[in-house]
């Protein structure tokens, strides 16, 4: 289940760009609509998957898991469909070698 699912080709392309942008081990600040930014290290390159929303509509979305070495035990999950901007805080960027 996902709160939002996407079927429009432009939305799907946007989700795919976030997957490319969020390389494993990248330290990032992710800006999401209506919430404060979330900062951390990308633990695993995200993938997009098929979900259903609360109305049983099928579409795609995905998540990215972040951890913060400054906060042991903390992790956060961000839905790709909620992302409006990604800031890279280190040199691991799109096109870099991924794990």
C-alpha atoms as a PDB file:
ATOM      1  CA  UNK A   1       0.000   0.000   0.000  1.00  0.00           C
ATOM      2  CA  UNK A   2       1.122   3.526  -0.798  1.00  0.00           C
ATOM      3  CA  UNK A   3      -0.568   6.822  -0.058  1.00  0.00           C
ATOM      4  CA  UNK A   4       0.080   7.879  -3.685  1.00  0.00           C
ATOM      5  CA  UNK A   5       0.638   5.831  -6.818  1.00  0.00           C
ATOM      6  CA  UNK A   6       1.596   7.106 -10.261  1.00  0.00           C
ATOM      7  CA  UNK A   7       0.676   5.965 -13.762  1.00  0.00           C
ATOM      8  CA  UNK A   8       1.305   9.035 -15.926  1.00  0.00           C
ATOM      9  CA  UNK A   9       4.485   8.609 -18.041  1.00  0.00           C
ATOM     10  CA  UNK A  10       5.855  11.982 -16.883  1.00  0.00           C
ATOM     11  CA  UNK A  11       5.441  10.991 -13.227  1.00  0.00           C
ATOM     12  CA  UNK A  12       7.051   7.608 -13.892  1.00  0.00           C
ATOM     13  CA  UNK A  13      10.010   9.362 -15.563  1.00  0.00           C
ATOM     14  CA  UNK A  14      10.363  11.652 -12.515  1.00  0.00           C
ATOM     15  CA  UNK A  15      10.467   8.648 -10.172  1.00  0.00           C
ATOM     16  CA  UNK A  16      13.078   6.999 -12.390  1.00  0.00           C
ATOM     17  CA  UNK A  17      15.223  10.172 -12.233  1.00  0.00           C
ATOM     18  CA  UNK A  18      15.144  10.028  -8.408  1.00  0.00           C
ATOM     19  CA  UNK A  19      16.317   6.399  -8.536  1.00  0.00           C
ATOM     20  CA  UNK A  20      19.282   7.474 -10.690  1.00  0.00           C
ATOM     21  CA  UNK A  21      19.994  10.449  -8.434  1.00  0.00           C
ATOM     22  CA  UNK A  22      20.032   8.482  -5.163  1.00  0.00           C
ATOM     23  CA  UNK A  23      23.199   6.386  -5.414  1.00  0.00           C
ATOM     24  CA  UNK A  24      24.090   4.033  -2.573  1.00  0.00           C
ATOM     25  CA  UNK A  25      26.285   5.745   0.050  1.00  0.00           C
ATOM     26  CA  UNK A  26      25.403   9.251  -1.151  1.00  0.00           C
ATOM     27  CA  UNK A  27      24.936  11.781   1.637  1.00  0.00           C
ATOM     28  CA  UNK A  28      21.845  13.765   0.677  1.00  0.00           C
ATOM     29  CA  UNK A  29      19.254  16.218   1.884  1.00  0.00           C
ATOM     30  CA  UNK A  30      15.860  15.332   0.434  1.00  0.00           C
ATOM     31  CA  UNK A  31      13.187  17.995   0.195  1.00  0.00           C
ATOM     32  CA  UNK A  32       9.629  16.692   0.286  1.00  0.00           C
ATOM     33  CA  UNK A  33       6.368  18.512  -0.289  1.00  0.00           C
ATOM     34  CA  UNK A  34       4.919  19.951   2.906  1.00  0.00           C
ATOM     35  CA  UNK A  35       7.563  18.560   5.317  1.00  0.00           C
ATOM     36  CA  UNK A  36      11.008  19.598   6.535  1.00  0.00           C
ATOM     37  CA  UNK A  37      13.969  18.170   4.579  1.00  0.00           C
ATOM     38  CA  UNK A  38      15.346  14.759   5.564  1.00  0.00           C
ATOM     39  CA  UNK A  39      19.114  14.262   5.608  1.00  0.00           C
ATOM     40  CA  UNK A  40      21.151  11.080   5.646  1.00  0.00           C
ATOM     41  CA  UNK A  41      23.142   8.482   3.734  1.00  0.00           C
ATOM     42  CA  UNK A  42      21.355   6.403   1.079  1.00  0.00           C
ATOM     43  CA  UNK A  43      21.558   2.804   2.295  1.00  0.00           C
ATOM     44  CA  UNK A  44      20.403   1.044  -0.893  1.00  0.00           C
ATOM     45  CA  UNK A  45      19.664   2.451  -4.333  1.00  0.00           C
ATOM     46  CA  UNK A  46      15.855   2.724  -4.421  1.00  0.00           C
ATOM     47  CA  UNK A  47      13.683   0.902  -6.915  1.00  0.00           C
ATOM     48  CA  UNK A  48      10.216   1.680  -8.160  1.00  0.00           C
ATOM     49  CA  UNK A  49       7.560  -0.944  -7.556  1.00  0.00           C
ATOM     50  CA  UNK A  50       3.880  -1.560  -8.140  1.00  0.00           C
ATOM     51  CA  UNK A  51       1.612  -0.556  -5.246  1.00  0.00           C
ATOM     52  CA  UNK A  52      -2.075   0.017  -4.656  1.00  0.00           C
ATOM     53  CA  UNK A  53      -3.438   3.102  -2.962  1.00  0.00           C
ATOM     54  CA  UNK A  54      -6.310   3.338  -0.462  1.00  0.00           C
ATOM     55  CA  UNK A  55      -8.805   3.333  -3.359  1.00  0.00           C
ATOM     56  CA  UNK A  56      -7.343   0.085  -4.748  1.00  0.00           C
ATOM     57  CA  UNK A  57      -5.812   1.943  -7.725  1.00  0.00           C
ATOM     58  CA  UNK A  58      -2.661   0.247  -8.983  1.00  0.00           C
ATOM     59  CA  UNK A  59       0.396   2.313  -9.949  1.00  0.00           C
ATOM     60  CA  UNK A  60       4.027   2.788  -9.078  1.00  0.00           C
ATOM     61  CA  UNK A  61       6.020   4.477  -6.347  1.00  0.00           C
ATOM     62  CA  UNK A  62       9.084   3.586  -4.332  1.00  0.00           C
ATOM     63  CA  UNK A  63      11.030   4.404  -1.197  1.00  0.00           C
ATOM     64  CA  UNK A  64      14.575   5.323  -0.294  1.00  0.00           C
ATOM     65  CA  UNK A  65      16.028   4.400   3.096  1.00  0.00           C
ATOM     66  CA  UNK A  66      18.389   6.841   4.774  1.00  0.00           C
ATOM     67  CA  UNK A  67      20.623   6.422   7.815  1.00  0.00           C
ATOM     68  CA  UNK A  68      22.611   9.052   9.665  1.00  0.00           C
ATOM     69  CA  UNK A  69      26.010   8.121  11.123  1.00  0.00           C
ATOM     70  CA  UNK A  70      25.619  11.049  13.542  1.00  0.00           C
ATOM     71  CA  UNK A  71      22.459   9.423  14.977  1.00  0.00           C
ATOM     72  CA  UNK A  72      23.155   5.709  15.576  1.00  0.00           C
ATOM     73  CA  UNK A  73      19.999   3.624  15.343  1.00  0.00           C
ATOM     74  CA  UNK A  74      18.094   6.266  13.331  1.00  0.00           C
ATOM     75  CA  UNK A  75      16.771   5.535   9.881  1.00  0.00           C
ATOM     76  CA  UNK A  76      14.207   7.240   7.726  1.00  0.00           C
ATOM     77  CA  UNK A  77      12.172   6.211   4.716  1.00  0.00           C
ATOM     78  CA  UNK A  78      11.065   8.696   2.060  1.00  0.00           C
ATOM     79  CA  UNK A  79       8.539   7.955  -0.677  1.00  0.00           C
ATOM     80  CA  UNK A  80      10.018   8.800  -4.081  1.00  0.00           C
ATOM     81  CA  UNK A  81       6.706  10.334  -5.160  1.00  0.00           C
ATOM     82  CA  UNK A  82       6.948  12.920  -2.367  1.00  0.00           C
ATOM     83  CA  UNK A  83      10.404  14.212  -3.354  1.00  0.00           C
ATOM     84  CA  UNK A  84      10.606  17.690  -4.859  1.00  0.00           C
ATOM     85  CA  UNK A  85      14.396  18.186  -4.744  1.00  0.00           C
ATOM     86  CA  UNK A  86      17.588  16.336  -3.802  1.00  0.00           C
ATOM     87  CA  UNK A  87      20.729  18.114  -2.574  1.00  0.00           C
ATOM     88  CA  UNK A  88      23.993  16.183  -2.668  1.00  0.00           C
ATOM     89  CA  UNK A  89      26.144  16.819   0.396  1.00  0.00           C
ATOM     90  CA  UNK A  90      29.171  14.850  -0.843  1.00  0.00           C
ATOM     91  CA  UNK A  91      30.766  13.691  -4.078  1.00  0.00           C
ATOM     92  CA  UNK A  92      28.603  10.564  -4.593  1.00  0.00           C
ATOM     93  CA  UNK A  93      26.253  11.715  -7.332  1.00  0.00           C
ATOM     94  CA  UNK A  94      24.331  10.500 -10.328  1.00  0.00           C
ATOM     95  CA  UNK A  95      26.524   8.343 -12.555  1.00  0.00           C
ATOM     96  CA  UNK A  96      28.857   7.369  -9.720  1.00  0.00           C
ATOM     97  CA  UNK A  97      29.609   3.730  -9.066  1.00  0.00           C
ATOM     98  CA  UNK A  98      26.805   2.106  -7.138  1.00  0.00           C
ATOM     99  CA  UNK A  99      26.959  -0.839  -4.752  1.00  0.00           C
END
